[in-house]
């Protein structure tokens, strides 16, 4: 597993290095015609719906907020789903509007496109270094942190875990 993670970090670093040194990695904004908003929305929706990490995250985190003694689970799920949907709309809606506005700015400032490519390349390389550095630390420390994280997710505030849980080692 450690070898795969380090290989992934090396690949991420290579992508970052390639973007940093490439003059063609960032497409000239003037050459790309703006897409229709409905088409962009459809593409984004399909991308989000096909992301298995989102479903796994929800399966891992969502149940700790549902309590049968606090009312119907369907109502609780609906309210939590609505909160998540509104949060996503606010965050991704803001990002979409910012991206739409930045198009004209990138057209007016051609050097900014090159700077953006270098910044993206630098962030990818930094992510690779951090990934490799954290993985090269002792595995025992990572296991302890993971165990504590799992325990905190399994024991919501005010509701202690039942004794004999798999996390107790019993």
C-alpha atoms as a PDB file:
ATOM      1  CA  UNK A   1       0.000   0.000   0.000  1.00  0.00           C
ATOM      2  CA  UNK A   2       2.852   2.368   0.830  1.00  0.00           C
ATOM      3  CA  UNK A   3       4.446   1.739  -2.577  1.00  0.00           C
ATOM      4  CA  UNK A   4       1.186   2.593  -4.351  1.00  0.00           C
ATOM      5  CA  UNK A   5       0.826   5.812  -2.366  1.00  0.00           C
ATOM      6  CA  UNK A   6       4.393   6.834  -3.137  1.00  0.00           C
ATOM      7  CA  UNK A   7       3.882   5.986  -6.819  1.00  0.00           C
ATOM      8  CA  UNK A   8       0.765   8.179  -6.787  1.00  0.00           C
ATOM      9  CA  UNK A   9       2.746  11.002  -5.184  1.00  0.00           C
ATOM     10  CA  UNK A  10       5.445  10.649  -7.854  1.00  0.00           C
ATOM     11  CA  UNK A  11       2.800  10.758 -10.606  1.00  0.00           C
ATOM     12  CA  UNK A  12       1.216  13.840  -9.043  1.00  0.00           C
ATOM     13  CA  UNK A  13       4.630  15.506  -8.906  1.00  0.00           C
ATOM     14  CA  UNK A  14       5.240  14.648 -12.585  1.00  0.00           C
ATOM     15  CA  UNK A  15       1.888  16.185 -13.582  1.00  0.00           C
ATOM     16  CA  UNK A  16       2.717  19.319 -11.566  1.00  0.00           C
ATOM     17  CA  UNK A  17       6.191  19.550 -13.133  1.00  0.00           C
ATOM     18  CA  UNK A  18       4.709  19.117 -16.610  1.00  0.00           C
ATOM     19  CA  UNK A  19       2.125  21.849 -16.063  1.00  0.00           C
ATOM     20  CA  UNK A  20       4.734  24.162 -14.520  1.00  0.00           C
ATOM     21  CA  UNK A  21       6.973  23.873 -17.608  1.00  0.00           C
ATOM     22  CA  UNK A  22       4.327  23.615 -20.304  1.00  0.00           C
ATOM     23  CA  UNK A  23       3.358  26.588 -22.412  1.00  0.00           C
ATOM     24  CA  UNK A  24       0.379  24.747 -23.857  1.00  0.00           C
ATOM     25  CA  UNK A  25      -1.070  23.216 -20.674  1.00  0.00           C
ATOM     26  CA  UNK A  26      -3.354  26.172 -20.186  1.00  0.00           C
ATOM     27  CA  UNK A  27      -5.521  26.723 -23.248  1.00  0.00           C
ATOM     28  CA  UNK A  28      -5.867  30.264 -24.547  1.00  0.00           C
ATOM     29  CA  UNK A  29      -9.217  31.391 -23.178  1.00  0.00           C
ATOM     30  CA  UNK A  30     -10.071  33.350 -26.334  1.00  0.00           C
ATOM     31  CA  UNK A  31      -9.837  30.177 -28.444  1.00  0.00           C
ATOM     32  CA  UNK A  32     -12.496  28.362 -26.425  1.00  0.00           C
ATOM     33  CA  UNK A  33     -16.103  29.326 -27.057  1.00  0.00           C
ATOM     34  CA  UNK A  34     -18.215  29.640 -23.917  1.00  0.00           C
ATOM     35  CA  UNK A  35     -20.457  26.601 -23.376  1.00  0.00           C
ATOM     36  CA  UNK A  36     -24.190  26.844 -22.932  1.00  0.00           C
ATOM     37  CA  UNK A  37     -25.106  27.013 -19.229  1.00  0.00           C
ATOM     38  CA  UNK A  38     -27.424  23.987 -19.456  1.00  0.00           C
ATOM     39  CA  UNK A  39     -24.667  21.893 -21.040  1.00  0.00           C
ATOM     40  CA  UNK A  40     -22.196  22.888 -18.337  1.00  0.00           C
ATOM     41  CA  UNK A  41     -24.770  22.112 -15.636  1.00  0.00           C
ATOM     42  CA  UNK A  42     -25.453  18.659 -17.128  1.00  0.00           C
ATOM     43  CA  UNK A  43     -21.745  17.841 -17.322  1.00  0.00           C
ATOM     44  CA  UNK A  44     -21.190  18.954 -13.730  1.00  0.00           C
ATOM     45  CA  UNK A  45     -24.216  17.013 -12.478  1.00  0.00           C
ATOM     46  CA  UNK A  46     -23.117  13.804 -14.202  1.00  0.00           C
ATOM     47  CA  UNK A  47     -19.589  14.223 -12.819  1.00  0.00           C
ATOM     48  CA  UNK A  48     -20.921  14.671  -9.287  1.00  0.00           C
ATOM     49  CA  UNK A  49     -23.386  11.786  -9.535  1.00  0.00           C
ATOM     50  CA  UNK A  50     -20.675   9.421 -10.789  1.00  0.00           C
ATOM     51  CA  UNK A  51     -18.301  10.267  -7.928  1.00  0.00           C
ATOM     52  CA  UNK A  52     -18.224   7.201  -5.650  1.00  0.00           C
ATOM     53  CA  UNK A  53     -16.300   9.067  -2.931  1.00  0.00           C
ATOM     54  CA  UNK A  54     -19.301  11.268  -2.227  1.00  0.00           C
ATOM     55  CA  UNK A  55     -21.517   8.238  -1.640  1.00  0.00           C
ATOM     56  CA  UNK A  56     -18.917   6.562   0.574  1.00  0.00           C
ATOM     57  CA  UNK A  57     -18.506   9.747   2.589  1.00  0.00           C
ATOM     58  CA  UNK A  58     -22.247  10.014   3.096  1.00  0.00           C
ATOM     59  CA  UNK A  59     -22.508   6.372   4.147  1.00  0.00           C
ATOM     60  CA  UNK A  60     -19.699   6.900   6.657  1.00  0.00           C
ATOM     61  CA  UNK A  61     -20.819  10.232   8.121  1.00  0.00           C
ATOM     62  CA  UNK A  62     -24.576  10.548   7.594  1.00  0.00           C
ATOM     63  CA  UNK A  63     -25.761   7.786   9.991  1.00  0.00           C
ATOM     64  CA  UNK A  64     -24.231   9.426  13.063  1.00  0.00           C
ATOM     65  CA  UNK A  65     -26.671  12.312  12.684  1.00  0.00           C
ATOM     66  CA  UNK A  66     -29.788  10.133  12.381  1.00  0.00           C
ATOM     67  CA  UNK A  67     -31.454   9.046  15.617  1.00  0.00           C
ATOM     68  CA  UNK A  68     -34.703   7.036  15.592  1.00  0.00           C
ATOM     69  CA  UNK A  69     -35.708   8.437  18.981  1.00  0.00           C
ATOM     70  CA  UNK A  70     -35.645  12.003  17.575  1.00  0.00           C
ATOM     71  CA  UNK A  71     -38.383  11.427  14.989  1.00  0.00           C
ATOM     72  CA  UNK A  72     -38.813   9.783  11.632  1.00  0.00           C
ATOM     73  CA  UNK A  73     -35.627   8.822   9.805  1.00  0.00           C
ATOM     74  CA  UNK A  74     -37.093   9.890   6.469  1.00  0.00           C
ATOM     75  CA  UNK A  75     -37.741  13.403   7.770  1.00  0.00           C
ATOM     76  CA  UNK A  76     -34.285  13.618   9.371  1.00  0.00           C
ATOM     77  CA  UNK A  77     -32.653  12.379   6.155  1.00  0.00           C
ATOM     78  CA  UNK A  78     -34.626  14.872   4.094  1.00  0.00           C
ATOM     79  CA  UNK A  79     -33.622  17.792   6.322  1.00  0.00           C
ATOM     80  CA  UNK A  80     -29.941  16.770   6.288  1.00  0.00           C
ATOM     81  CA  UNK A  81     -30.066  16.235   2.525  1.00  0.00           C
ATOM     82  CA  UNK A  82     -31.586  19.699   2.096  1.00  0.00           C
ATOM     83  CA  UNK A  83     -28.869  21.272   4.217  1.00  0.00           C
ATOM     84  CA  UNK A  84     -26.199  19.515   2.173  1.00  0.00           C
ATOM     85  CA  UNK A  85     -27.840  20.523  -1.119  1.00  0.00           C
ATOM     86  CA  UNK A  86     -28.075  24.195  -0.074  1.00  0.00           C
ATOM     87  CA  UNK A  87     -24.475  24.178   1.116  1.00  0.00           C
ATOM     88  CA  UNK A  88     -23.313  22.631  -2.175  1.00  0.00           C
ATOM     89  CA  UNK A  89     -25.357  25.161  -4.149  1.00  0.00           C
ATOM     90  CA  UNK A  90     -23.807  28.041  -2.231  1.00  0.00           C
ATOM     91  CA  UNK A  91     -20.240  26.789  -2.569  1.00  0.00           C
ATOM     92  CA  UNK A  92     -20.302  25.500  -6.136  1.00  0.00           C
ATOM     93  CA  UNK A  93     -22.629  28.243  -7.335  1.00  0.00           C
ATOM     94  CA  UNK A  94     -20.167  30.843  -6.080  1.00  0.00           C
ATOM     95  CA  UNK A  95     -17.277  29.007  -7.733  1.00  0.00           C
ATOM     96  CA  UNK A  96     -19.195  28.792 -11.018  1.00  0.00           C
ATOM     97  CA  UNK A  97     -19.963  32.516 -10.989  1.00  0.00           C
ATOM     98  CA  UNK A  98     -16.334  33.330 -10.160  1.00  0.00           C
ATOM     99  CA  UNK A  99     -15.126  31.088 -13.000  1.00  0.00           C
ATOM    100  CA  UNK A 100     -17.508  32.741 -15.453  1.00  0.00           C
ATOM    101  CA  UNK A 101     -16.297  36.201 -14.433  1.00  0.00           C
ATOM    102  CA  UNK A 102     -12.620  35.176 -14.530  1.00  0.00           C
ATOM    103  CA  UNK A 103     -12.878  34.247 -18.224  1.00  0.00           C
ATOM    104  CA  UNK A 104     -12.945  37.869 -19.330  1.00  0.00           C
ATOM    105  CA  UNK A 105     -10.182  38.746 -16.874  1.00  0.00           C
ATOM    106  CA  UNK A 106      -7.980  35.990 -18.336  1.00  0.00           C
ATOM    107  CA  UNK A 107      -8.656  37.296 -21.856  1.00  0.00           C
ATOM    108  CA  UNK A 108      -7.657  40.810 -20.786  1.00  0.00           C
ATOM    109  CA  UNK A 109      -4.529  39.586 -18.916  1.00  0.00           C
ATOM    110  CA  UNK A 110      -2.678  36.948 -20.978  1.00  0.00           C
ATOM    111  CA  UNK A 111       0.184  36.697 -18.453  1.00  0.00           C
ATOM    112  CA  UNK A 112      -2.329  35.626 -15.809  1.00  0.00           C
ATOM    113  CA  UNK A 113      -3.003  32.389 -17.668  1.00  0.00           C
ATOM    114  CA  UNK A 114       0.677  31.470 -17.500  1.00  0.00           C
ATOM    115  CA  UNK A 115       0.752  32.419 -13.821  1.00  0.00           C
ATOM    116  CA  UNK A 116      -2.309  30.251 -13.177  1.00  0.00           C
ATOM    117  CA  UNK A 117      -0.592  27.296 -14.858  1.00  0.00           C
ATOM    118  CA  UNK A 118       2.492  27.756 -12.703  1.00  0.00           C
ATOM    119  CA  UNK A 119       0.398  28.069  -9.550  1.00  0.00           C
ATOM    120  CA  UNK A 120      -1.503  24.869 -10.375  1.00  0.00           C
ATOM    121  CA  UNK A 121       1.746  23.055 -11.119  1.00  0.00           C
ATOM    122  CA  UNK A 122       3.258  24.272  -7.842  1.00  0.00           C
ATOM    123  CA  UNK A 123       0.212  23.152  -5.846  1.00  0.00           C
ATOM    124  CA  UNK A 124       0.298  19.705  -7.419  1.00  0.00           C
ATOM    125  CA  UNK A 125       4.000  19.328  -6.675  1.00  0.00           C
ATOM    126  CA  UNK A 126       3.449  20.522  -3.100  1.00  0.00           C
ATOM    127  CA  UNK A 127       0.620  18.031  -2.701  1.00  0.00           C
ATOM    128  CA  UNK A 128       2.916  15.268  -3.916  1.00  0.00           C
ATOM    129  CA  UNK A 129       5.635  16.231  -1.452  1.00  0.00           C
ATOM    130  CA  UNK A 130       3.172  16.418   1.460  1.00  0.00           C
ATOM    131  CA  UNK A 131       1.619  13.076   0.502  1.00  0.00           C
ATOM    132  CA  UNK A 132       5.001  11.371   0.360  1.00  0.00           C
ATOM    133  CA  UNK A 133       6.237  13.068   3.555  1.00  0.00           C
ATOM    134  CA  UNK A 134       3.215  12.094   5.632  1.00  0.00           C
ATOM    135  CA  UNK A 135       3.336   8.526   4.355  1.00  0.00           C
ATOM    136  CA  UNK A 136       7.010   8.123   5.163  1.00  0.00           C
ATOM    137  CA  UNK A 137       6.325   8.835   8.851  1.00  0.00           C
ATOM    138  CA  UNK A 138       5.928   5.820  11.084  1.00  0.00           C
ATOM    139  CA  UNK A 139       2.917   3.681  10.281  1.00  0.00           C
ATOM    140  CA  UNK A 140       2.096   3.270  13.976  1.00  0.00           C
ATOM    141  CA  UNK A 141       1.405   7.006  14.309  1.00  0.00           C
ATOM    142  CA  UNK A 142      -0.876   6.895  11.268  1.00  0.00           C
ATOM    143  CA  UNK A 143      -2.739   3.911  12.727  1.00  0.00           C
ATOM    144  CA  UNK A 144      -3.291   5.756  16.006  1.00  0.00           C
ATOM    145  CA  UNK A 145      -4.583   8.853  14.229  1.00  0.00           C
ATOM    146  CA  UNK A 146      -6.864   6.751  12.026  1.00  0.00           C
ATOM    147  CA  UNK A 147      -8.183   4.841  15.038  1.00  0.00           C
ATOM    148  CA  UNK A 148      -8.926   8.082  16.911  1.00  0.00           C
ATOM    149  CA  UNK A 149     -10.630   9.542  13.830  1.00  0.00           C
ATOM    150  CA  UNK A 150     -12.827   6.476  13.390  1.00  0.00           C
ATOM    151  CA  UNK A 151     -13.743   6.508  17.083  1.00  0.00           C
ATOM    152  CA  UNK A 152     -14.749  10.161  16.927  1.00  0.00           C
ATOM    153  CA  UNK A 153     -16.990   9.482  13.905  1.00  0.00           C
ATOM    154  CA  UNK A 154     -18.590   6.478  15.581  1.00  0.00           C
ATOM    155  CA  UNK A 155     -19.326   8.259  18.846  1.00  0.00           C
ATOM    156  CA  UNK A 156     -21.302  11.453  18.199  1.00  0.00           C
ATOM    157  CA  UNK A 157     -21.328  14.044  20.953  1.00  0.00           C
ATOM    158  CA  UNK A 158     -23.510  13.033  23.870  1.00  0.00           C
ATOM    159  CA  UNK A 159     -23.978   9.474  22.641  1.00  0.00           C
ATOM    160  CA  UNK A 160     -21.285   7.113  23.900  1.00  0.00           C
ATOM    161  CA  UNK A 161     -20.353   4.030  21.907  1.00  0.00           C
ATOM    162  CA  UNK A 162     -21.664   0.714  23.118  1.00  0.00           C
ATOM    163  CA  UNK A 163     -19.132  -1.440  24.935  1.00  0.00           C
ATOM    164  CA  UNK A 164     -17.800  -4.302  22.891  1.00  0.00           C
ATOM    165  CA  UNK A 165     -17.628  -2.254  19.691  1.00  0.00           C
ATOM    166  CA  UNK A 166     -15.032  -3.397  17.114  1.00  0.00           C
ATOM    167  CA  UNK A 167     -13.080  -0.232  17.885  1.00  0.00           C
ATOM    168  CA  UNK A 168     -12.632  -1.293  21.514  1.00  0.00           C
ATOM    169  CA  UNK A 169     -10.712  -4.349  20.368  1.00  0.00           C
ATOM    170  CA  UNK A 170     -13.216  -6.720  22.027  1.00  0.00           C
END
